[in-house]
Amino acid sequence: MQKGFLNIIWGVFSKLFSGLKLAIFGIMVARYLGPEKFGIISYVVSFVSLLSVLAEFRLNNILLREISKGNNIEKLLGTSFYICFFFATIGYLTLSFIAYSIKDSIDIKIFIVLYGLSYFFQMFRFLRAYFIAKQKNNIIVKSELITTIIILLLTYILIILKTSITYFIILRVLDLLLFSVIMLTFYNNKYGKIKKWKYDKSIKNKLIKDSFPLVLSGFALIVFQKIDQIMIKHFIDSEAVGQYAAAVSVTSIIAFIPIVISESLVPILVKIREKDNDQYIWFRQRFSDFLTWSSILMSFVIMITSPIIIKLLYGESYLPSIEIMKIFAWKGFFIGIGAVAGQIMIIENTHQISYIKSIVGGCVNLILNFFFIQEYGSIGAVWASILAFAASSYITHLFIFRYKYIFKIQTKSIFYGIYYIIKDFRRFFKIATANL
C-alpha cells in the first residue's frame, strides 16, 4: 500500500519537474531574449510539435495497460522501439519538406529542421509506461531531476555568455536527449537489458491497431494546443506569440497535475475493475469527482494570481500576458475532465473512436482562431482554445453514443462532485489504498 501511494506521489513530482523545467527555462529565456525572439522560439516549438505525435505514436497508455498485465514485456518494449523509430523518421522527413515549403525566413526554417531532431529522442518516452506500470515513478523523477539541473545550468551559462537564439533551440533538443539517455541507463543497469528487447510482428500489429485512434486524437489535440501560436505568428507577429506563450507556459505546468494523477491511478482502477465491477463503477465516479474539482480549484487560483505571476516571473515587458493568462487558466479545468475521460476509455477499451472528439476540437480551434485572431488579436486565440477544449473534452461526448455515459459522469462531477468528495472521501481512500 505504501509503495503504491509513494508511486502516485513520485508520478506527480515527475510531471512537476518536467513542467517546472520547461517553465523556468522559458522564463529565463523570455526575460533574456524579450517577447519578439522568445516568440520565435515558441513558434518553432509549436510548429515542430504538430508532427511529434508520430515520434511516440501514442503508445504510452496502451503499453501501460499491457505491461500492467505482466506479459511479454521485452517484446512489448522492443516492438515499441521499432514502431517509434520508424514513425519518427517519417515525421522528420515530412517536417523537413514542410519547412522547405513554407513562407518563413531561412533562419526559422533552419530552426524548425534543427529542433525536429528531437523526434528521435522523444520516441523513448514509451519507457515511461514501463516505469509507471512497475510502480517505479521514482526513476522518472530522478531522470527528470538530473535533466532539469543540467539544462537549467546550461541555460544560465548561455545567458551569461550572451549567446544567440540558436543555442537555446539546440538546448531544447539536448533536453530530450539527456532525459532519454538517463532513463535508458536506469533501465539497462537495474531493470532489464536493452539487448534483450525483441521485435514481434503480431505485437506490432496489435500496438499499431490499438494506438492508431490515439495517434489521430493526439494529432488533433496538438493542433488545437499549438495551432494558435502558429496562427498568431502569421496573423500578427512574433512579439504577440511571445506574450501569448508567456501566459501559456505557466498555466501548462498546473494542467499537467490532473493528467499525471489520472495516469498514476490507472493500475488501481484496473485492479478494482477486475475484482468487482460494481465497486469499479462507484470508484470511477469518485475518481472523476476528485480530478474535476481539483482542476477547478487550480484554475481559479491561477486566474486570481495571474497579475502577480506575470510581473514576478516575466517582468514589465510581458504585462499584456496578464489578461491572456486570466482566461487561459481555465484550460486546466477542461484538461482535468478530459484526462478522466481518456483514462476511462483506455481502461474500458472504448478509445477506438476517441479521435473523433479530438478532431472536432481541432477543427473548432482552427476555425475560431482564423476569425477570432483577426478580430480580437491574441485574446481571440485564448477564447478559441478554451472553446475547443470544452468541445473536445466534454460537449462531444454527448453526441457520440459510445461516450454518452462519460458525459453523464463528467456532468455529475461538475454539479455534485464536491458534495460526494466530502461525503465519500474515507471510502474512496480506503478502496484506493487497498488496491495499491
Protein backbone atom coordinates (compact mmCIF):
# COMPACT_ATOMS: atom_id res chain seq x y z
CA MET A 1 0.00 0.00 0.00
CA GLN A 2 2.75 2.43 0.99
CA LYS A 3 4.66 1.57 -2.19
CA GLY A 4 1.62 2.30 -4.36
CA PHE A 5 0.90 5.59 -2.61
CA LEU A 6 4.52 6.69 -2.98
CA ASN A 7 4.35 5.76 -6.66
CA ILE A 8 1.47 8.22 -7.14
CA ILE A 9 3.43 10.93 -5.31
CA TRP A 10 6.50 10.22 -7.45
CA GLY A 11 4.31 10.42 -10.54
CA VAL A 12 3.10 13.88 -9.60
CA PHE A 13 6.67 15.02 -8.93
CA SER A 14 7.94 13.65 -12.27
CA LYS A 15 5.44 15.77 -14.22
CA LEU A 16 6.04 18.75 -11.97
CA PHE A 17 9.80 18.57 -12.57
CA SER A 18 9.21 18.31 -16.31
CA GLY A 19 6.77 21.22 -16.30
CA LEU A 20 8.88 23.33 -13.95
CA LYS A 21 11.99 22.73 -16.04
CA LEU A 22 10.28 23.98 -19.21
CA ALA A 23 8.63 26.87 -17.36
CA ILE A 24 11.85 28.03 -15.69
CA PHE A 25 13.72 27.60 -18.98
CA GLY A 26 11.00 29.62 -20.70
CA ILE A 27 11.08 32.36 -18.06
CA MET A 28 14.87 32.68 -18.18
CA VAL A 29 14.95 32.75 -21.98
CA ALA A 30 11.92 35.07 -22.21
CA ARG A 31 13.48 37.64 -19.89
CA TYR A 32 16.82 37.41 -21.73
CA LEU A 33 15.59 37.48 -25.33
CA GLY A 34 12.48 39.65 -24.95
CA PRO A 35 8.98 38.99 -26.34
CA GLU A 36 9.90 39.00 -30.05
CA LYS A 37 12.74 36.46 -30.01
CA PHE A 38 11.02 34.39 -27.35
CA GLY A 39 8.06 34.35 -29.72
CA ILE A 40 10.27 32.90 -32.47
CA ILE A 41 11.35 30.02 -30.20
CA SER A 42 7.74 29.39 -29.18
CA TYR A 43 6.65 29.41 -32.81
CA VAL A 44 9.35 26.89 -33.79
CA VAL A 45 8.47 24.58 -30.89
CA SER A 46 4.76 24.79 -31.76
CA PHE A 47 5.43 24.09 -35.44
CA VAL A 48 7.61 21.04 -34.76
CA SER A 49 5.10 19.76 -32.19
CA LEU A 50 2.48 19.28 -34.90
CA LEU A 51 4.10 16.01 -36.03
CA SER A 52 5.66 14.99 -32.71
CA VAL A 53 2.81 12.55 -32.12
CA LEU A 54 4.44 10.26 -34.68
CA ALA A 55 7.65 10.02 -32.66
CA GLU A 56 5.97 8.40 -29.64
CA PHE A 57 2.99 7.05 -31.62
CA ARG A 58 0.81 7.49 -28.52
CA LEU A 59 1.92 4.08 -27.21
CA ASN A 60 2.16 5.07 -23.53
CA ASN A 61 -1.43 4.41 -22.48
CA ILE A 62 -1.64 1.15 -24.42
CA LEU A 63 1.71 -0.04 -23.03
CA LEU A 64 0.65 0.92 -19.52
CA ARG A 65 -2.34 -1.38 -19.85
CA GLU A 66 -0.38 -4.23 -21.45
CA ILE A 67 2.70 -4.08 -19.19
CA SER A 68 0.43 -3.99 -16.11
CA LYS A 69 -0.66 -7.49 -17.17
CA GLY A 70 2.97 -8.65 -16.83
CA ASN A 71 3.28 -10.50 -20.16
CA ASN A 72 5.86 -10.22 -23.00
CA ILE A 73 7.49 -7.10 -21.55
CA GLU A 74 10.72 -7.37 -23.57
CA LYS A 75 8.75 -7.95 -26.77
CA LEU A 76 6.48 -5.01 -25.96
CA LEU A 77 9.45 -2.68 -25.40
CA GLY A 78 11.41 -3.93 -28.42
CA THR A 79 8.43 -3.64 -30.71
CA SER A 80 7.62 -0.19 -29.34
CA PHE A 81 11.16 0.95 -30.16
CA TYR A 82 10.79 -0.31 -33.72
CA ILE A 83 7.43 1.42 -34.17
CA CYS A 84 8.59 4.74 -32.69
CA PHE A 85 11.83 4.84 -34.70
CA PHE A 86 10.01 4.13 -37.96
CA PHE A 87 7.38 6.81 -37.42
CA ALA A 88 9.90 9.33 -36.01
CA THR A 89 11.82 9.02 -39.28
CA ILE A 90 8.63 9.51 -41.31
CA GLY A 91 7.75 12.51 -39.16
CA TYR A 92 11.17 14.15 -39.54
CA LEU A 93 11.26 13.73 -43.32
CA THR A 94 7.74 15.19 -43.58
CA LEU A 95 8.65 18.10 -41.30
CA SER A 96 11.77 18.88 -43.35
CA PHE A 97 9.72 19.01 -46.55
CA ILE A 98 7.11 21.29 -44.96
CA ALA A 99 9.82 23.57 -43.53
CA TYR A 100 11.33 23.90 -47.01
CA SER A 101 7.92 24.75 -48.49
CA ILE A 102 6.55 27.33 -46.02
CA LYS A 103 6.94 31.08 -46.40
CA ASP A 104 9.23 31.90 -43.50
CA SER A 105 12.72 33.32 -43.12
CA ILE A 106 15.66 30.99 -43.77
CA ASP A 107 16.64 31.25 -40.09
CA ILE A 108 13.25 29.99 -38.92
CA LYS A 109 13.35 27.15 -41.45
CA ILE A 110 16.75 26.08 -40.09
CA PHE A 111 15.44 26.28 -36.51
CA ILE A 112 12.49 24.05 -37.44
CA VAL A 113 14.69 21.38 -39.05
CA LEU A 114 17.16 21.58 -36.14
CA TYR A 115 14.53 21.23 -33.44
CA GLY A 116 12.87 18.46 -35.45
CA LEU A 117 15.80 16.19 -34.48
CA SER A 118 14.10 15.96 -31.09
CA TYR A 119 11.70 13.41 -32.62
CA PHE A 120 14.43 10.76 -32.39
CA PHE A 121 14.91 11.35 -28.67
CA GLN A 122 11.27 11.91 -27.82
CA MET A 123 10.45 8.43 -29.10
CA PHE A 124 11.90 6.83 -25.96
CA ARG A 125 9.00 8.16 -23.91
CA PHE A 126 7.45 4.71 -24.14
CA LEU A 127 9.77 3.77 -21.24
CA ARG A 128 7.63 5.97 -19.01
CA ALA A 129 4.84 3.42 -19.37
CA TYR A 130 7.17 0.65 -18.18
CA PHE A 131 8.20 2.51 -15.01
CA ILE A 132 4.64 3.66 -14.25
CA ALA A 133 3.26 0.12 -14.68
CA LYS A 134 6.02 -1.27 -12.44
CA GLN A 135 5.27 1.43 -9.84
CA LYS A 136 8.72 2.94 -10.36
CA ASN A 137 7.77 6.55 -10.92
CA ASN A 138 10.76 7.45 -8.74
CA ILE A 139 13.03 6.53 -11.67
CA ILE A 140 11.21 9.02 -13.89
CA VAL A 141 11.58 11.66 -11.16
CA LYS A 142 15.32 11.02 -10.86
CA SER A 143 15.70 11.25 -14.63
CA GLU A 144 13.72 14.50 -14.75
CA LEU A 145 15.63 15.97 -11.81
CA ILE A 146 19.07 15.23 -13.27
CA THR A 147 17.98 16.58 -16.66
CA THR A 148 16.44 19.67 -15.07
CA ILE A 149 19.61 20.56 -13.16
CA ILE A 150 21.84 20.14 -16.22
CA ILE A 151 19.54 22.01 -18.63
CA LEU A 152 18.89 24.97 -16.32
CA LEU A 153 22.59 25.24 -15.51
CA LEU A 154 23.42 25.30 -19.22
CA THR A 155 20.65 27.88 -19.80
CA TYR A 156 22.20 30.15 -17.18
CA ILE A 157 25.64 29.76 -18.75
CA LEU A 158 24.30 30.58 -22.23
CA ILE A 159 22.62 33.73 -20.89
CA ILE A 160 25.80 34.83 -19.11
CA LEU A 161 27.73 34.31 -22.35
CA LYS A 162 25.08 36.36 -24.23
CA THR A 163 24.59 33.69 -26.89
CA SER A 164 22.15 33.80 -29.78
CA ILE A 165 18.73 32.19 -30.12
CA THR A 166 20.25 29.20 -31.99
CA TYR A 167 21.88 27.85 -28.84
CA PHE A 168 18.58 27.81 -26.98
CA ILE A 169 16.99 25.79 -29.80
CA ILE A 170 19.85 23.28 -29.52
CA LEU A 171 19.37 23.19 -25.76
CA ARG A 172 15.73 22.15 -26.19
CA VAL A 173 16.91 19.21 -28.31
CA LEU A 174 19.58 18.34 -25.74
CA ASP A 175 16.89 18.32 -23.05
CA LEU A 176 15.05 15.41 -24.69
CA LEU A 177 18.32 13.61 -25.49
CA LEU A 178 19.52 13.76 -21.87
CA PHE A 179 16.25 12.56 -20.41
CA SER A 180 16.12 9.60 -22.79
CA VAL A 181 19.74 8.60 -22.14
CA ILE A 182 19.28 8.78 -18.36
CA MET A 183 16.07 6.71 -18.41
CA LEU A 184 17.67 4.12 -20.69
CA THR A 185 20.67 3.95 -18.36
CA PHE A 186 18.48 3.35 -15.31
CA TYR A 187 16.56 0.66 -17.14
CA ASN A 188 19.63 -1.08 -18.53
CA ASN A 189 21.53 -1.08 -15.22
CA LYS A 190 18.78 -2.31 -12.92
CA TYR A 191 15.52 -3.39 -14.54
CA GLY A 192 16.39 -5.12 -17.79
CA LYS A 193 18.73 -5.17 -20.77
CA ILE A 194 18.08 -3.26 -23.97
CA LYS A 195 19.83 -6.03 -25.92
CA LYS A 196 17.05 -8.40 -24.79
CA TRP A 197 14.35 -6.31 -26.44
CA LYS A 198 12.69 -8.27 -29.22
CA TYR A 199 10.58 -7.34 -32.21
CA ASP A 200 7.31 -9.23 -32.60
CA LYS A 201 5.15 -8.73 -35.67
CA SER A 202 1.89 -9.77 -34.01
CA ILE A 203 2.54 -7.37 -31.11
CA LYS A 204 3.45 -4.65 -33.62
CA ASN A 205 0.13 -5.07 -35.41
CA LYS A 206 -1.79 -5.02 -32.12
CA LEU A 207 0.04 -1.94 -30.78
CA ILE A 208 -0.42 -0.02 -34.02
CA LYS A 209 -4.07 -1.01 -34.24
CA ASP A 210 -4.77 -0.02 -30.62
CA SER A 211 -2.68 3.15 -30.78
CA PHE A 212 -3.77 4.47 -34.16
CA PRO A 213 -7.01 6.08 -32.90
CA LEU A 214 -4.93 7.71 -30.15
CA VAL A 215 -2.46 8.98 -32.76
CA LEU A 216 -5.31 10.63 -34.66
CA SER A 217 -6.74 12.13 -31.48
CA GLY A 218 -3.23 13.10 -30.34
CA PHE A 219 -2.58 14.91 -33.60
CA ALA A 220 -5.88 16.75 -33.34
CA LEU A 221 -5.07 17.55 -29.70
CA ILE A 222 -1.69 19.01 -30.64
CA VAL A 223 -3.33 21.03 -33.41
CA PHE A 224 -5.64 22.79 -31.01
CA GLN A 225 -2.90 23.14 -28.40
CA LYS A 226 -0.32 24.62 -30.76
CA ILE A 227 -2.06 25.99 -33.85
CA ASP A 228 -2.94 29.20 -32.01
CA GLN A 229 0.72 30.25 -31.68
CA ILE A 230 1.40 29.40 -35.32
CA MET A 231 -1.60 31.44 -36.49
CA ILE A 232 -0.75 34.36 -34.16
CA LYS A 233 2.71 34.45 -35.78
CA HIS A 234 1.24 34.66 -39.28
CA PHE A 235 -1.72 36.95 -38.50
CA ILE A 236 0.07 39.30 -36.05
CA ASP A 237 3.81 38.91 -35.33
CA SER A 238 6.48 37.11 -33.26
CA GLU A 239 6.15 39.51 -30.33
CA ALA A 240 2.47 38.64 -29.95
CA VAL A 241 3.46 34.95 -29.91
CA GLY A 242 5.95 35.72 -27.13
CA GLN A 243 3.30 37.43 -24.99
CA TYR A 244 0.86 34.58 -25.58
CA ALA A 245 3.47 31.87 -24.89
CA ALA A 246 4.47 33.51 -21.60
CA ALA A 247 0.92 33.08 -20.28
CA VAL A 248 0.51 29.58 -21.71
CA SER A 249 3.76 28.18 -20.27
CA VAL A 250 2.84 28.87 -16.65
CA THR A 251 -0.72 27.53 -16.90
CA SER A 252 0.58 24.40 -18.64
CA ILE A 253 2.52 23.36 -15.52
CA ILE A 254 -0.62 23.22 -13.41
CA ALA A 255 -2.53 21.50 -16.21
CA PHE A 256 -0.09 18.56 -16.02
CA ILE A 257 -1.15 17.66 -12.48
CA PRO A 258 -4.60 16.15 -13.28
CA ILE A 259 -3.04 14.19 -16.14
CA VAL A 260 -0.32 12.60 -14.01
CA ILE A 261 -2.74 11.82 -11.16
CA SER A 262 -5.11 10.12 -13.61
CA GLU A 263 -2.24 8.11 -15.14
CA SER A 264 -0.96 7.05 -11.72
CA LEU A 265 -4.41 5.85 -10.63
CA VAL A 266 -4.89 3.65 -13.72
CA PRO A 267 -3.36 0.50 -12.11
CA ILE A 268 -5.76 0.93 -9.15
CA LEU A 269 -8.77 1.31 -11.44
CA VAL A 270 -7.72 -1.75 -13.46
CA LYS A 271 -7.40 -3.89 -10.30
CA ILE A 272 -10.79 -2.77 -8.94
CA ARG A 273 -12.49 -3.47 -12.27
CA GLU A 274 -11.04 -7.00 -12.37
CA LYS A 275 -12.29 -7.75 -8.83
CA ASP A 276 -15.70 -6.07 -8.60
CA ASN A 277 -17.41 -4.21 -11.45
CA ASP A 278 -20.00 -2.53 -9.19
CA GLN A 279 -17.27 -1.17 -6.96
CA TYR A 280 -15.37 -0.05 -10.05
CA ILE A 281 -18.37 1.95 -11.33
CA TRP A 282 -18.65 3.70 -7.95
CA PHE A 283 -14.91 4.36 -7.74
CA ARG A 284 -14.85 5.60 -11.35
CA GLN A 285 -17.35 8.33 -10.47
CA ARG A 286 -15.42 9.41 -7.37
CA PHE A 287 -12.22 9.39 -9.46
CA SER A 288 -13.93 11.82 -11.84
CA ASP A 289 -15.24 13.97 -8.95
CA PHE A 290 -11.82 14.31 -7.40
CA LEU A 291 -9.97 15.26 -10.59
CA THR A 292 -12.71 17.61 -11.79
CA TRP A 293 -12.78 19.68 -8.62
CA SER A 294 -9.01 19.62 -8.20
CA SER A 295 -8.81 21.12 -11.69
CA ILE A 296 -11.43 23.76 -10.90
CA LEU A 297 -9.55 24.81 -7.78
CA MET A 298 -6.21 25.03 -9.60
CA SER A 299 -7.73 27.03 -12.46
CA PHE A 300 -9.30 29.50 -10.03
CA VAL A 301 -6.04 30.01 -8.14
CA ILE A 302 -4.12 30.70 -11.36
CA MET A 303 -6.77 33.18 -12.54
CA ILE A 304 -6.71 35.35 -9.42
CA THR A 305 -2.93 35.28 -9.04
CA SER A 306 -2.07 35.87 -12.73
CA PRO A 307 -1.05 39.58 -12.32
CA ILE A 308 1.39 38.65 -9.57
CA ILE A 309 2.74 35.65 -11.50
CA ILE A 310 3.42 37.59 -14.72
CA LYS A 311 5.00 40.63 -13.03
CA LEU A 312 7.14 38.49 -10.75
CA LEU A 313 8.31 35.93 -13.31
CA TYR A 314 8.48 37.81 -16.62
CA GLY A 315 8.75 41.49 -15.77
CA GLU A 316 7.25 44.66 -17.20
CA SER A 317 7.82 43.66 -20.84
CA TYR A 318 5.17 40.96 -20.53
CA LEU A 319 2.29 42.84 -18.87
CA PRO A 320 -0.02 42.18 -21.88
CA SER A 321 0.21 38.48 -20.93
CA ILE A 322 -1.85 39.05 -17.75
CA GLU A 323 -5.25 39.22 -19.45
CA ILE A 324 -4.36 36.21 -21.59
CA MET A 325 -3.42 34.20 -18.52
CA LYS A 326 -6.61 35.05 -16.61
CA ILE A 327 -8.73 33.40 -19.29
CA PHE A 328 -6.31 30.64 -20.21
CA ALA A 329 -6.20 29.47 -16.60
CA TRP A 330 -9.49 27.62 -17.22
CA LYS A 331 -7.80 25.37 -19.75
CA GLY A 332 -6.72 23.35 -16.70
CA PHE A 333 -10.33 22.51 -15.86
CA PHE A 334 -11.04 21.09 -19.30
CA ILE A 335 -7.74 19.20 -19.35
CA GLY A 336 -8.72 17.68 -16.00
CA ILE A 337 -12.09 16.35 -17.14
CA GLY A 338 -10.51 15.30 -20.42
CA ALA A 339 -7.88 13.27 -18.57
CA VAL A 340 -10.64 11.46 -16.68
CA ALA A 341 -12.45 10.61 -19.92
CA GLY A 342 -9.25 9.47 -21.62
CA GLN A 343 -8.26 7.05 -18.88
CA ILE A 344 -11.77 5.58 -18.64
CA MET A 345 -11.73 4.95 -22.39
CA ILE A 346 -8.37 3.21 -22.21
CA ILE A 347 -9.31 1.04 -19.20
CA GLU A 348 -12.66 0.03 -20.73
CA ASN A 349 -11.16 -0.34 -24.21
CA THR A 350 -13.59 2.12 -25.80
CA HIS A 351 -10.92 4.51 -27.10
CA GLN A 352 -11.07 3.33 -30.72
CA ILE A 353 -13.14 6.31 -31.91
CA SER A 354 -11.81 8.85 -29.40
CA TYR A 355 -10.04 10.60 -32.27
CA ILE A 356 -13.44 11.94 -33.41
CA LYS A 357 -13.79 14.24 -30.42
CA SER A 358 -10.21 15.47 -30.78
CA ILE A 359 -10.74 16.14 -34.47
CA VAL A 360 -13.86 18.13 -33.57
CA GLY A 361 -11.85 20.13 -31.03
CA GLY A 362 -9.05 20.72 -33.54
CA CYS A 363 -11.50 21.92 -36.19
CA VAL A 364 -13.26 24.22 -33.71
CA ASN A 365 -9.94 25.73 -32.67
CA LEU A 366 -8.71 26.17 -36.23
CA ILE A 367 -11.92 27.82 -37.45
CA LEU A 368 -12.38 30.06 -34.39
CA ASN A 369 -8.72 31.10 -34.42
CA PHE A 370 -9.00 32.12 -38.06
CA PHE A 371 -11.80 34.58 -37.24
CA PHE A 372 -11.08 35.47 -33.61
CA ILE A 373 -7.38 36.35 -34.01
CA GLN A 374 -8.10 38.76 -36.87
CA GLU A 375 -10.94 40.34 -34.91
CA TYR A 376 -9.70 40.28 -31.30
CA GLY A 377 -5.96 39.56 -31.53
CA SER A 378 -4.32 37.23 -29.00
CA ILE A 379 -7.33 37.32 -26.65
CA GLY A 380 -9.36 35.84 -29.50
CA ALA A 381 -6.88 32.95 -29.69
CA VAL A 382 -7.37 32.30 -25.95
CA TRP A 383 -11.15 32.07 -26.28
CA ALA A 384 -10.81 29.85 -29.35
CA SER A 385 -8.61 27.45 -27.37
CA ILE A 386 -10.92 27.37 -24.35
CA LEU A 387 -13.99 26.67 -26.52
CA ALA A 388 -12.08 23.98 -28.42
CA PHE A 389 -11.07 22.24 -25.18
CA ALA A 390 -14.68 22.42 -23.98
CA ALA A 391 -15.87 20.85 -27.24
CA SER A 392 -13.29 18.07 -27.24
CA SER A 393 -13.15 17.19 -23.55
CA TYR A 394 -16.84 17.47 -22.70
CA ILE A 395 -19.51 18.51 -25.21
CA THR A 396 -18.76 15.99 -27.97
CA HIS A 397 -19.30 13.08 -25.56
CA LEU A 398 -23.00 13.96 -25.59
CA PHE A 399 -23.22 13.40 -29.35
CA ILE A 400 -21.18 10.17 -29.58
CA PHE A 401 -23.35 7.25 -28.47
CA ARG A 402 -20.42 5.22 -27.11
CA TYR A 403 -19.36 8.12 -24.86
CA LYS A 404 -22.71 9.42 -23.59
CA TYR A 405 -22.11 7.67 -20.27
CA ILE A 406 -18.84 9.61 -19.92
CA PHE A 407 -20.75 12.85 -20.48
CA LYS A 408 -23.05 11.82 -17.60
CA ILE A 409 -20.07 11.02 -15.35
CA GLN A 410 -18.49 14.41 -16.11
CA THR A 411 -21.76 16.31 -15.63
CA LYS A 412 -22.38 14.66 -12.26
CA SER A 413 -18.85 15.57 -11.21
CA ILE A 414 -19.24 19.21 -12.24
CA PHE A 415 -22.54 19.74 -10.40
CA TYR A 416 -22.39 17.28 -7.50
CA GLY A 417 -18.75 16.22 -7.29
CA ILE A 418 -17.71 18.44 -4.40
CA TYR A 419 -20.53 17.03 -2.23
CA TYR A 420 -19.53 13.42 -2.86
CA ILE A 421 -15.82 14.16 -2.39
CA ILE A 422 -16.59 15.32 1.16
CA LYS A 423 -19.19 12.61 1.81
CA ASP A 424 -17.27 9.61 0.43
CA PHE A 425 -13.64 10.60 0.94
CA ARG A 426 -12.94 7.93 3.56
CA ARG A 427 -14.46 5.14 1.47
CA PHE A 428 -12.64 6.34 -1.65
CA PHE A 429 -9.31 6.45 0.19
CA LYS A 430 -9.89 3.03 1.76
CA ILE A 431 -10.65 1.36 -1.57
CA ALA A 432 -7.73 3.09 -3.28
CA THR A 433 -5.19 2.10 -0.63
CA ALA A 434 -6.50 -1.49 -0.59
CA ASN A 435 -5.69 -1.79 -4.30
CA LEU A 436 -2.30 -0.11 -4.35
